[in-house]
Amino acid sequence: MTSTLSLWRGWIERPVRAAADIAGEAAGDHGLTLADLRAPTRRRAISRPRQAAMAALRAETRPDGTPRYSFAWIARFLGVKNHAAVIHGVRAHHARSAPKADRSAS
């Protein structure tokens, strides 16, 4: 738990989730382990859950609303090539997760 001082609400207690816990949950949702996500493979069965973990890590925020983990830090943590791969992974995950637009209206 971390304590943060808010000018309006006083001291706020927020639980801090470790990056390994966040990525481990994403891996567990797909039947994988954290070691599987860190493996240097580009197989879809591993890369898609890795992208979900990237998005989950990037969505974790500080009390002021800024992301807790940078793209470069996530890249080092998951062992991917560089921060650009993380940016692509987060965008690809959000594109897959977004509801499909109704194309029959056009």
PDB file of N, CA and C in Angstrom:
ATOM      1  N   MET A   1       0.845  -1.176   0.000  1.00  0.00           N
ATOM      2  CA  MET A   1       0.000   0.000   0.000  1.00  0.00           C
ATOM      3  C   MET A   1       0.888   1.237   0.000  1.00  0.00           C
ATOM      4  N   THR A   2       0.485   2.197  -0.785  1.00  0.00           N
ATOM      5  CA  THR A   2       1.190   3.472  -0.772  1.00  0.00           C
ATOM      6  C   THR A   2       0.237   4.556  -0.310  1.00  0.00           C
ATOM      7  N   SER A   3       0.761   5.532   0.363  1.00  0.00           N
ATOM      8  CA  SER A   3      -0.033   6.662   0.819  1.00  0.00           C
ATOM      9  C   SER A   3       0.266   7.859  -0.066  1.00  0.00           C
ATOM     10  N   THR A   4      -0.788   8.496  -0.506  1.00  0.00           N
ATOM     11  CA  THR A   4      -0.665   9.673  -1.349  1.00  0.00           C
ATOM     12  C   THR A   4      -1.493  10.776  -0.734  1.00  0.00           C
ATOM     13  N   LEU A   5      -0.946  11.980  -0.698  1.00  0.00           N
ATOM     14  CA  LEU A   5      -1.663  13.110  -0.155  1.00  0.00           C
ATOM     15  C   LEU A   5      -2.451  13.799  -1.260  1.00  0.00           C
ATOM     16  N   SER A   6      -3.752  13.900  -1.059  1.00  0.00           N
ATOM     17  CA  SER A   6      -4.619  14.613  -1.985  1.00  0.00           C
ATOM     18  C   SER A   6      -5.058  15.909  -1.303  1.00  0.00           C
ATOM     19  N   LEU A   7      -5.057  16.979  -2.049  1.00  0.00           N
ATOM     20  CA  LEU A   7      -5.470  18.254  -1.473  1.00  0.00           C
ATOM     21  C   LEU A   7      -6.954  18.260  -1.109  1.00  0.00           C
ATOM     22  N   TRP A   8      -7.745  17.424  -1.757  1.00  0.00           N
ATOM     23  CA  TRP A   8      -9.177  17.411  -1.524  1.00  0.00           C
ATOM     24  C   TRP A   8      -9.622  16.277  -0.607  1.00  0.00           C
ATOM     25  N   ARG A   9      -8.957  15.127  -0.699  1.00  0.00           N
ATOM     26  CA  ARG A   9      -9.430  13.961   0.047  1.00  0.00           C
ATOM     27  C   ARG A   9      -8.494  13.542   1.173  1.00  0.00           C
ATOM     28  N   GLY A  10      -7.429  14.261   1.418  1.00  0.00           N
ATOM     29  CA  GLY A  10      -6.496  13.873   2.478  1.00  0.00           C
ATOM     30  C   GLY A  10      -5.597  12.745   2.020  1.00  0.00           C
ATOM     31  N   TRP A  11      -5.190  11.891   2.954  1.00  0.00           N
ATOM     32  CA  TRP A  11      -4.317  10.767   2.621  1.00  0.00           C
ATOM     33  C   TRP A  11      -5.133   9.655   1.998  1.00  0.00           C
ATOM     34  N   ILE A  12      -4.652   9.145   0.875  1.00  0.00           N
ATOM     35  CA  ILE A  12      -5.325   8.077   0.147  1.00  0.00           C
ATOM     36  C   ILE A  12      -4.410   6.857   0.161  1.00  0.00           C
ATOM     37  N   GLU A  13      -4.941   5.723   0.547  1.00  0.00           N
ATOM     38  CA  GLU A  13      -4.189   4.467   0.516  1.00  0.00           C
ATOM     39  C   GLU A  13      -4.524   3.737  -0.781  1.00  0.00           C
ATOM     40  N   ARG A  14      -3.492   3.463  -1.589  1.00  0.00           N
ATOM     41  CA  ARG A  14      -3.685   2.741  -2.838  1.00  0.00           C
ATOM     42  C   ARG A  14      -2.796   1.513  -2.854  1.00  0.00           C
ATOM     43  N   PRO A  15      -3.339   0.375  -3.228  1.00  0.00           N
ATOM     44  CA  PRO A  15      -2.486  -0.804  -3.355  1.00  0.00           C
ATOM     45  C   PRO A  15      -1.582  -0.664  -4.578  1.00  0.00           C
ATOM     46  N   VAL A  16      -0.352  -1.090  -4.448  1.00  0.00           N
ATOM     47  CA  VAL A  16       0.584  -1.068  -5.561  1.00  0.00           C
ATOM     48  C   VAL A  16       0.732  -2.499  -6.051  1.00  0.00           C
ATOM     49  N   ARG A  17       0.426  -2.694  -7.311  1.00  0.00           N
ATOM     50  CA  ARG A  17       0.565  -4.019  -7.909  1.00  0.00           C
ATOM     51  C   ARG A  17       1.927  -4.107  -8.576  1.00  0.00           C
ATOM     52  N   ALA A  18       2.638  -5.150  -8.296  1.00  0.00           N
ATOM     53  CA  ALA A  18       3.954  -5.343  -8.895  1.00  0.00           C
ATOM     54  C   ALA A  18       3.795  -5.728 -10.360  1.00  0.00           C
ATOM     55  N   ALA A  19       4.777  -5.369 -11.169  1.00  0.00           N
ATOM     56  CA  ALA A  19       4.741  -5.664 -12.598  1.00  0.00           C
ATOM     57  C   ALA A  19       4.670  -7.172 -12.844  1.00  0.00           C
ATOM     58  N   ALA A  20       5.369  -7.951 -12.033  1.00  0.00           N
ATOM     59  CA  ALA A  20       5.332  -9.400 -12.200  1.00  0.00           C
ATOM     60  C   ALA A  20       3.925  -9.949 -11.946  1.00  0.00           C
ATOM     61  N   ASP A  21       3.205  -9.355 -10.994  1.00  0.00           N
ATOM     62  CA  ASP A  21       1.834  -9.792 -10.729  1.00  0.00           C
ATOM     63  C   ASP A  21       0.915  -9.457 -11.893  1.00  0.00           C
ATOM     64  N   ILE A  22       1.061  -8.257 -12.451  1.00  0.00           N
ATOM     65  CA  ILE A  22       0.215  -7.826 -13.564  1.00  0.00           C
ATOM     66  C   ILE A  22       0.464  -8.694 -14.789  1.00  0.00           C
ATOM     67  N   ALA A  23       1.733  -8.872 -15.145  1.00  0.00           N
ATOM     68  CA  ALA A  23       2.077  -9.683 -16.309  1.00  0.00           C
ATOM     69  C   ALA A  23       1.737 -11.154 -16.058  1.00  0.00           C
ATOM     70  N   GLY A  24       1.900 -11.599 -14.823  1.00  0.00           N
ATOM     71  CA  GLY A  24       1.543 -12.981 -14.486  1.00  0.00           C
ATOM     72  C   GLY A  24       0.060 -13.246 -14.637  1.00  0.00           C
ATOM     73  N   GLU A  25      -0.775 -12.265 -14.287  1.00  0.00           N
ATOM     74  CA  GLU A  25      -2.218 -12.423 -14.483  1.00  0.00           C
ATOM     75  C   GLU A  25      -2.557 -12.519 -15.959  1.00  0.00           C
ATOM     76  N   ALA A  26      -1.928 -11.674 -16.773  1.00  0.00           N
ATOM     77  CA  ALA A  26      -2.172 -11.719 -18.213  1.00  0.00           C
ATOM     78  C   ALA A  26      -1.729 -13.059 -18.794  1.00  0.00           C
ATOM     79  N   ALA A  27      -0.602 -13.566 -18.315  1.00  0.00           N
ATOM     80  CA  ALA A  27      -0.119 -14.869 -18.782  1.00  0.00           C
ATOM     81  C   ALA A  27      -1.059 -15.978 -18.326  1.00  0.00           C
ATOM     82  N   GLY A  28      -1.496 -15.918 -17.076  1.00  0.00           N
ATOM     83  CA  GLY A  28      -2.395 -16.939 -16.544  1.00  0.00           C
ATOM     84  C   GLY A  28      -3.731 -16.982 -17.257  1.00  0.00           C
ATOM     85  N   ASP A  29      -4.207 -15.833 -17.728  1.00  0.00           N
ATOM     86  CA  ASP A  29      -5.463 -15.799 -18.477  1.00  0.00           C
ATOM     87  C   ASP A  29      -5.379 -16.609 -19.761  1.00  0.00           C
ATOM     88  N   HIS A  30      -4.157 -16.794 -20.265  1.00  0.00           N
ATOM     89  CA  HIS A  30      -3.948 -17.537 -21.509  1.00  0.00           C
ATOM     90  C   HIS A  30      -3.294 -18.896 -21.267  1.00  0.00           C
ATOM     91  N   GLY A  31      -3.176 -19.293 -20.014  1.00  0.00           N
ATOM     92  CA  GLY A  31      -2.588 -20.593 -19.690  1.00  0.00           C
ATOM     93  C   GLY A  31      -1.083 -20.626 -19.833  1.00  0.00           C
ATOM     94  N   LEU A  32      -0.429 -19.487 -19.655  1.00  0.00           N
ATOM     95  CA  LEU A  32       1.017 -19.402 -19.779  1.00  0.00           C
ATOM     96  C   LEU A  32       1.630 -18.938 -18.463  1.00  0.00           C
ATOM     97  N   THR A  33       2.946 -18.925 -18.426  1.00  0.00           N
ATOM     98  CA  THR A  33       3.670 -18.398 -17.267  1.00  0.00           C
ATOM     99  C   THR A  33       4.389 -17.114 -17.676  1.00  0.00           C
ATOM    100  N   LEU A  34       4.892 -16.404 -16.692  1.00  0.00           N
ATOM    101  CA  LEU A  34       5.658 -15.189 -16.970  1.00  0.00           C
ATOM    102  C   LEU A  34       6.913 -15.520 -17.768  1.00  0.00           C
ATOM    103  N   ALA A  35       7.516 -16.657 -17.498  1.00  0.00           N
ATOM    104  CA  ALA A  35       8.703 -17.078 -18.257  1.00  0.00           C
ATOM    105  C   ALA A  35       8.355 -17.292 -19.727  1.00  0.00           C
ATOM    106  N   ASP A  36       7.145 -17.795 -20.004  1.00  0.00           N
ATOM    107  CA  ASP A  36       6.712 -17.961 -21.393  1.00  0.00           C
ATOM    108  C   ASP A  36       6.618 -16.613 -22.099  1.00  0.00           C
ATOM    109  N   LEU A  37       6.104 -15.598 -21.399  1.00  0.00           N
ATOM    110  CA  LEU A  37       5.979 -14.273 -22.012  1.00  0.00           C
ATOM    111  C   LEU A  37       7.340 -13.649 -22.293  1.00  0.00           C
ATOM    112  N   ARG A  38       8.307 -13.965 -21.471  1.00  0.00           N
ATOM    113  CA  ARG A  38       9.647 -13.400 -21.637  1.00  0.00           C
ATOM    114  C   ARG A  38      10.489 -14.165 -22.646  1.00  0.00           C
ATOM    115  N   ALA A  39       9.986 -15.281 -23.151  1.00  0.00           N
ATOM    116  CA  ALA A  39      10.733 -16.089 -24.115  1.00  0.00           C
ATOM    117  C   ALA A  39      10.877 -15.334 -25.436  1.00  0.00           C
ATOM    118  N   PRO A  40      12.018 -15.481 -26.109  1.00  0.00           N
ATOM    119  CA  PRO A  40      12.249 -14.738 -27.353  1.00  0.00           C
ATOM    120  C   PRO A  40      11.618 -15.403 -28.573  1.00  0.00           C
ATOM    121  N   THR A  41      10.326 -15.659 -28.515  1.00  0.00           N
ATOM    122  CA  THR A  41       9.630 -16.283 -29.633  1.00  0.00           C
ATOM    123  C   THR A  41       8.604 -15.316 -30.207  1.00  0.00           C
ATOM    124  N   ARG A  42       8.297 -15.489 -31.470  1.00  0.00           N
ATOM    125  CA  ARG A  42       7.299 -14.635 -32.112  1.00  0.00           C
ATOM    126  C   ARG A  42       6.042 -15.421 -32.473  1.00  0.00           C
ATOM    127  N   ARG A  43       5.903 -16.606 -31.895  1.00  0.00           N
ATOM    128  CA  ARG A  43       4.704 -17.408 -32.150  1.00  0.00           C
ATOM    129  C   ARG A  43       3.473 -16.670 -31.648  1.00  0.00           C
ATOM    130  N   ARG A  44       2.370 -16.770 -32.374  1.00  0.00           N
ATOM    131  CA  ARG A  44       1.150 -16.061 -32.019  1.00  0.00           C
ATOM    132  C   ARG A  44       0.633 -16.469 -30.648  1.00  0.00           C
ATOM    133  N   ALA A  45       0.797 -17.752 -30.297  1.00  0.00           N
ATOM    134  CA  ALA A  45       0.313 -18.238 -29.001  1.00  0.00           C
ATOM    135  C   ALA A  45       1.024 -17.569 -27.832  1.00  0.00           C
ATOM    136  N   ILE A  46       2.206 -17.019 -28.083  1.00  0.00           N
ATOM    137  CA  ILE A  46       2.962 -16.315 -27.045  1.00  0.00           C
ATOM    138  C   ILE A  46       2.879 -14.801 -27.245  1.00  0.00           C
ATOM    139  N   SER A  47       2.973 -14.343 -28.477  1.00  0.00           N
ATOM    140  CA  SER A  47       3.055 -12.898 -28.722  1.00  0.00           C
ATOM    141  C   SER A  47       1.753 -12.177 -28.397  1.00  0.00           C
ATOM    142  N   ARG A  48       0.612 -12.791 -28.661  1.00  0.00           N
ATOM    143  CA  ARG A  48      -0.652 -12.117 -28.340  1.00  0.00           C
ATOM    144  C   ARG A  48      -0.832 -11.944 -26.826  1.00  0.00           C
ATOM    145  N   PRO A  49      -0.604 -12.977 -26.012  1.00  0.00           N
ATOM    146  CA  PRO A  49      -0.650 -12.760 -24.560  1.00  0.00           C
ATOM    147  C   PRO A  49       0.415 -11.775 -24.077  1.00  0.00           C
ATOM    148  N   ARG A  50       1.591 -11.757 -24.730  1.00  0.00           N
ATOM    149  CA  ARG A  50       2.629 -10.786 -24.370  1.00  0.00           C
ATOM    150  C   ARG A  50       2.128  -9.367 -24.635  1.00  0.00           C
ATOM    151  N   GLN A  51       1.420  -9.176 -25.745  1.00  0.00           N
ATOM    152  CA  GLN A  51       0.860  -7.865 -26.047  1.00  0.00           C
ATOM    153  C   GLN A  51      -0.220  -7.481 -25.032  1.00  0.00           C
ATOM    154  N   ALA A  52      -0.997  -8.458 -24.583  1.00  0.00           N
ATOM    155  CA  ALA A  52      -1.997  -8.180 -23.544  1.00  0.00           C
ATOM    156  C   ALA A  52      -1.310  -7.753 -22.248  1.00  0.00           C
ATOM    157  N   ALA A  53      -0.188  -8.390 -21.923  1.00  0.00           N
ATOM    158  CA  ALA A  53       0.566  -8.009 -20.724  1.00  0.00           C
ATOM    159  C   ALA A  53       1.148  -6.605 -20.881  1.00  0.00           C
ATOM    160  N   MET A  54       1.627  -6.278 -22.081  1.00  0.00           N
ATOM    161  CA  MET A  54       2.144  -4.930 -22.329  1.00  0.00           C
ATOM    162  C   MET A  54       1.060  -3.890 -22.092  1.00  0.00           C
ATOM    163  N   ALA A  55      -0.140  -4.159 -22.609  1.00  0.00           N
ATOM    164  CA  ALA A  55      -1.250  -3.215 -22.449  1.00  0.00           C
ATOM    165  C   ALA A  55      -1.650  -3.102 -20.978  1.00  0.00           C
ATOM    166  N   ALA A  56      -1.653  -4.222 -20.263  1.00  0.00           N
ATOM    167  CA  ALA A  56      -2.024  -4.193 -18.843  1.00  0.00           C
ATOM    168  C   ALA A  56      -0.989  -3.414 -18.028  1.00  0.00           C
ATOM    169  N   LEU A  57       0.280  -3.601 -18.347  1.00  0.00           N
ATOM    170  CA  LEU A  57       1.321  -2.864 -17.633  1.00  0.00           C
ATOM    171  C   LEU A  57       1.234  -1.371 -17.934  1.00  0.00           C
ATOM    172  N   ARG A  58       0.969  -1.034 -19.175  1.00  0.00           N
ATOM    173  CA  ARG A  58       0.877   0.378 -19.546  1.00  0.00           C
ATOM    174  C   ARG A  58      -0.367   1.029 -18.933  1.00  0.00           C
ATOM    175  N   ALA A  59      -1.427   0.253 -18.712  1.00  0.00           N
ATOM    176  CA  ALA A  59      -2.665   0.796 -18.150  1.00  0.00           C
ATOM    177  C   ALA A  59      -2.554   1.062 -16.649  1.00  0.00           C
ATOM    178  N   GLU A  60      -1.573   0.466 -15.985  1.00  0.00           N
ATOM    179  CA  GLU A  60      -1.359   0.710 -14.552  1.00  0.00           C
ATOM    180  C   GLU A  60      -0.899   2.147 -14.367  1.00  0.00           C
ATOM    181  N   THR A  61      -1.589   2.889 -13.531  1.00  0.00           N
ATOM    182  CA  THR A  61      -1.280   4.314 -13.391  1.00  0.00           C
ATOM    183  C   THR A  61      -0.870   4.674 -11.968  1.00  0.00           C
ATOM    184  N   ARG A  62      -0.208   5.813 -11.869  1.00  0.00           N
ATOM    185  CA  ARG A  62       0.136   6.400 -10.574  1.00  0.00           C
ATOM    186  C   ARG A  62      -1.086   7.150 -10.050  1.00  0.00           C
ATOM    187  N   PRO A  63      -1.042   7.598  -8.812  1.00  0.00           N
ATOM    188  CA  PRO A  63      -2.188   8.354  -8.276  1.00  0.00           C
ATOM    189  C   PRO A  63      -2.534   9.608  -9.071  1.00  0.00           C
ATOM    190  N   ASP A  64      -1.540  10.202  -9.743  1.00  0.00           N
ATOM    191  CA  ASP A  64      -1.831  11.409 -10.527  1.00  0.00           C
ATOM    192  C   ASP A  64      -2.347  11.099 -11.925  1.00  0.00           C
ATOM    193  N   GLY A  65      -2.491   9.826 -12.267  1.00  0.00           N
ATOM    194  CA  GLY A  65      -3.059   9.427 -13.550  1.00  0.00           C
ATOM    195  C   GLY A  65      -2.056   9.154 -14.644  1.00  0.00           C
ATOM    196  N   THR A  66      -0.777   9.359 -14.394  1.00  0.00           N
ATOM    197  CA  THR A  66       0.235   9.069 -15.403  1.00  0.00           C
ATOM    198  C   THR A  66       0.583   7.579 -15.365  1.00  0.00           C
ATOM    199  N   PRO A  67       1.008   7.029 -16.501  1.00  0.00           N
ATOM    200  CA  PRO A  67       1.367   5.604 -16.515  1.00  0.00           C
ATOM    201  C   PRO A  67       2.510   5.302 -15.555  1.00  0.00           C
ATOM    202  N   ARG A  68       2.398   4.191 -14.850  1.00  0.00           N
ATOM    203  CA  ARG A  68       3.430   3.797 -13.895  1.00  0.00           C
ATOM    204  C   ARG A  68       4.669   3.253 -14.600  1.00  0.00           C
ATOM    205  N   TYR A  69       4.488   2.554 -15.713  1.00  0.00           N
ATOM    206  CA  TYR A  69       5.600   1.914 -16.412  1.00  0.00           C
ATOM    207  C   TYR A  69       5.776   2.527 -17.795  1.00  0.00           C
ATOM    208  N   SER A  70       7.004   2.913 -18.134  1.00  0.00           N
ATOM    209  CA  SER A  70       7.286   3.486 -19.449  1.00  0.00           C
ATOM    210  C   SER A  70       7.374   2.361 -20.478  1.00  0.00           C
ATOM    211  N   PHE A  71       7.300   2.755 -21.760  1.00  0.00           N
ATOM    212  CA  PHE A  71       7.429   1.768 -22.829  1.00  0.00           C
ATOM    213  C   PHE A  71       8.802   1.101 -22.778  1.00  0.00           C
ATOM    214  N   ALA A  72       9.835   1.874 -22.512  1.00  0.00           N
ATOM    215  CA  ALA A  72      11.189   1.312 -22.449  1.00  0.00           C
ATOM    216  C   ALA A  72      11.331   0.343 -21.277  1.00  0.00           C
ATOM    217  N   TRP A  73      10.737   0.681 -20.140  1.00  0.00           N
ATOM    218  CA  TRP A  73      10.822  -0.202 -18.978  1.00  0.00           C
ATOM    219  C   TRP A  73      10.093  -1.511 -19.256  1.00  0.00           C
ATOM    220  N   ILE A  74       8.927  -1.434 -19.878  1.00  0.00           N
ATOM    221  CA  ILE A  74       8.164  -2.649 -20.209  1.00  0.00           C
ATOM    222  C   ILE A  74       8.962  -3.517 -21.173  1.00  0.00           C
ATOM    223  N   ALA A  75       9.634  -2.891 -22.140  1.00  0.00           N
ATOM    224  CA  ALA A  75      10.460  -3.644 -23.092  1.00  0.00           C
ATOM    225  C   ALA A  75      11.567  -4.396 -22.369  1.00  0.00           C
ATOM    226  N   ARG A  76      12.245  -3.732 -21.445  1.00  0.00           N
ATOM    227  CA  ARG A  76      13.310  -4.406 -20.676  1.00  0.00           C
ATOM    228  C   ARG A  76      12.735  -5.514 -19.806  1.00  0.00           C
ATOM    229  N   PHE A  77      11.593  -5.263 -19.188  1.00  0.00           N
ATOM    230  CA  PHE A  77      10.986  -6.246 -18.280  1.00  0.00           C
ATOM    231  C   PHE A  77      10.572  -7.516 -19.022  1.00  0.00           C
ATOM    232  N   LEU A  78       9.972  -7.353 -20.199  1.00  0.00           N
ATOM    233  CA  LEU A  78       9.497  -8.517 -20.957  1.00  0.00           C
ATOM    234  C   LEU A  78      10.536  -9.062 -21.931  1.00  0.00           C
ATOM    235  N   GLY A  79      11.665  -8.371 -22.071  1.00  0.00           N
ATOM    236  CA  GLY A  79      12.725  -8.865 -22.932  1.00  0.00           C
ATOM    237  C   GLY A  79      12.438  -8.723 -24.414  1.00  0.00           C
ATOM    238  N   VAL A  80      11.655  -7.719 -24.795  1.00  0.00           N
ATOM    239  CA  VAL A  80      11.403  -7.490 -26.218  1.00  0.00           C
ATOM    240  C   VAL A  80      12.469  -6.566 -26.775  1.00  0.00           C
ATOM    241  N   LYS A  81      12.471  -6.405 -28.096  1.00  0.00           N
ATOM    242  CA  LYS A  81      13.560  -5.706 -28.779  1.00  0.00           C
ATOM    243  C   LYS A  81      13.759  -4.274 -28.303  1.00  0.00           C
ATOM    244  N   ASN A  82      12.714  -3.457 -28.309  1.00  0.00           N
ATOM    245  CA  ASN A  82      12.843  -2.066 -27.881  1.00  0.00           C
ATOM    246  C   ASN A  82      11.466  -1.491 -27.564  1.00  0.00           C
ATOM    247  N   HIS A  83      11.434  -0.208 -27.225  1.00  0.00           N
ATOM    248  CA  HIS A  83      10.176   0.413 -26.823  1.00  0.00           C
ATOM    249  C   HIS A  83       9.181   0.488 -27.971  1.00  0.00           C
ATOM    250  N   ALA A  84       9.658   0.551 -29.204  1.00  0.00           N
ATOM    251  CA  ALA A  84       8.747   0.612 -30.346  1.00  0.00           C
ATOM    252  C   ALA A  84       7.932  -0.676 -30.468  1.00  0.00           C
ATOM    253  N   ALA A  85       8.526  -1.791 -30.101  1.00  0.00           N
ATOM    254  CA  ALA A  85       7.795  -3.052 -30.115  1.00  0.00           C
ATOM    255  C   ALA A  85       6.669  -3.039 -29.079  1.00  0.00           C
ATOM    256  N   VAL A  86       6.911  -2.386 -27.957  1.00  0.00           N
ATOM    257  CA  VAL A  86       5.879  -2.277 -26.921  1.00  0.00           C
ATOM    258  C   VAL A  86       4.754  -1.352 -27.396  1.00  0.00           C
ATOM    259  N   ILE A  87       5.109  -0.237 -28.023  1.00  0.00           N
ATOM    260  CA  ILE A  87       4.086   0.660 -28.552  1.00  0.00           C
ATOM    261  C   ILE A  87       3.212  -0.079 -29.551  1.00  0.00           C
ATOM    262  N   HIS A  88       3.832  -0.827 -30.460  1.00  0.00           N
ATOM    263  CA  HIS A  88       3.074  -1.618 -31.427  1.00  0.00           C
ATOM    264  C   HIS A  88       2.201  -2.653 -30.730  1.00  0.00           C
ATOM    265  N   GLY A  89       2.754  -3.319 -29.721  1.00  0.00           N
ATOM    266  CA  GLY A  89       1.995  -4.351 -29.008  1.00  0.00           C
ATOM    267  C   GLY A  89       0.775  -3.795 -28.299  1.00  0.00           C
ATOM    268  N   VAL A  90       0.922  -2.643 -27.666  1.00  0.00           N
ATOM    269  CA  VAL A  90      -0.209  -2.020 -26.966  1.00  0.00           C
ATOM    270  C   VAL A  90      -1.282  -1.614 -27.976  1.00  0.00           C
ATOM    271  N   ARG A  91      -0.857  -1.003 -29.086  1.00  0.00           N
ATOM    272  CA  ARG A  91      -1.829  -0.593 -30.116  1.00  0.00           C
ATOM    273  C   ARG A  91      -2.523  -1.789 -30.733  1.00  0.00           C
ATOM    274  N   ALA A  92      -1.771  -2.848 -31.012  1.00  0.00           N
ATOM    275  CA  ALA A  92      -2.360  -4.042 -31.608  1.00  0.00           C
ATOM    276  C   ALA A  92      -3.362  -4.688 -30.654  1.00  0.00           C
ATOM    277  N   HIS A  93      -3.032  -4.731 -29.371  1.00  0.00           N
ATOM    278  CA  HIS A  93      -3.953  -5.312 -28.392  1.00  0.00           C
ATOM    279  C   HIS A  93      -5.242  -4.499 -28.314  1.00  0.00           C
ATOM    280  N   HIS A  94      -5.120  -3.175 -28.294  1.00  0.00           N
ATOM    281  CA  HIS A  94      -6.311  -2.329 -28.226  1.00  0.00           C
ATOM    282  C   HIS A  94      -7.145  -2.447 -29.503  1.00  0.00           C
ATOM    283  N   ALA A  95      -6.485  -2.594 -30.651  1.00  0.00           N
ATOM    284  CA  ALA A  95      -7.213  -2.759 -31.911  1.00  0.00           C
ATOM    285  C   ALA A  95      -7.984  -4.074 -31.921  1.00  0.00           C
ATOM    286  N   ARG A  96      -7.381  -5.140 -31.377  1.00  0.00           N
ATOM    287  CA  ARG A  96      -8.087  -6.424 -31.308  1.00  0.00           C
ATOM    288  C   ARG A  96      -9.202  -6.398 -30.288  1.00  0.00           C
ATOM    289  N   SER A  97      -9.020  -5.633 -29.210  1.00  0.00           N
ATOM    290  CA  SER A  97     -10.010  -5.600 -28.125  1.00  0.00           C
ATOM    291  C   SER A  97     -11.179  -4.691 -28.428  1.00  0.00           C
ATOM    292  N   ALA A  98     -10.991  -3.729 -29.320  1.00  0.00           N
ATOM    293  CA  ALA A  98     -12.060  -2.761 -29.609  1.00  0.00           C
ATOM    294  C   ALA A  98     -13.208  -3.483 -30.319  1.00  0.00           C
ATOM    295  N   PRO A  99     -14.446  -3.084 -30.001  1.00  0.00           N
ATOM    296  CA  PRO A  99     -15.573  -3.709 -30.696  1.00  0.00           C
ATOM    297  C   PRO A  99     -15.553  -3.377 -32.180  1.00  0.00           C
ATOM    298  N   LYS A 100     -15.905  -4.342 -32.977  1.00  0.00           N
ATOM    299  CA  LYS A 100     -15.938  -4.144 -34.425  1.00  0.00           C
ATOM    300  C   LYS A 100     -17.100  -3.244 -34.790  1.00  0.00           C
ATOM    301  N   ALA A 101     -16.868  -2.303 -35.695  1.00  0.00           N
ATOM    302  CA  ALA A 101     -17.939  -1.406 -36.154  1.00  0.00           C
ATOM    303  C   ALA A 101     -18.866  -2.183 -37.082  1.00  0.00           C
ATOM    304  N   ASP A 102     -20.124  -1.816 -37.058  1.00  0.00           N
ATOM    305  CA  ASP A 102     -21.097  -2.456 -37.927  1.00  0.00           C
ATOM    306  C   ASP A 102     -20.870  -1.991 -39.363  1.00  0.00           C
ATOM    307  N   ARG A 103     -20.396  -2.887 -40.222  1.00  0.00           N
ATOM    308  CA  ARG A 103     -20.056  -2.509 -41.593  1.00  0.00           C
ATOM    309  C   ARG A 103     -21.225  -2.647 -42.527  1.00  0.00           C
ATOM    310  N   SER A 104     -22.331  -3.204 -42.085  1.00  0.00           N
ATOM    311  CA  SER A 104     -23.491  -3.381 -42.972  1.00  0.00           C
ATOM    312  C   SER A 104     -24.220  -2.068 -43.195  1.00  0.00           C
ATOM    313  N   ALA A 105     -23.947  -1.026 -42.402  1.00  0.00           N
ATOM    314  CA  ALA A 105     -24.633   0.245 -42.547  1.00  0.00           C
ATOM    315  C   ALA A 105     -24.123   1.046 -43.736  1.00  0.00           C
ATOM    316  N   SER A 106     -22.945   0.708 -44.256  1.00  0.00           N
ATOM    317  CA  SER A 106     -22.383   1.495 -45.366  1.00  0.00           C
ATOM    318  C   SER A 106     -22.851   1.066 -46.712  1.00  0.00           C
TER     319      SER A 106
END
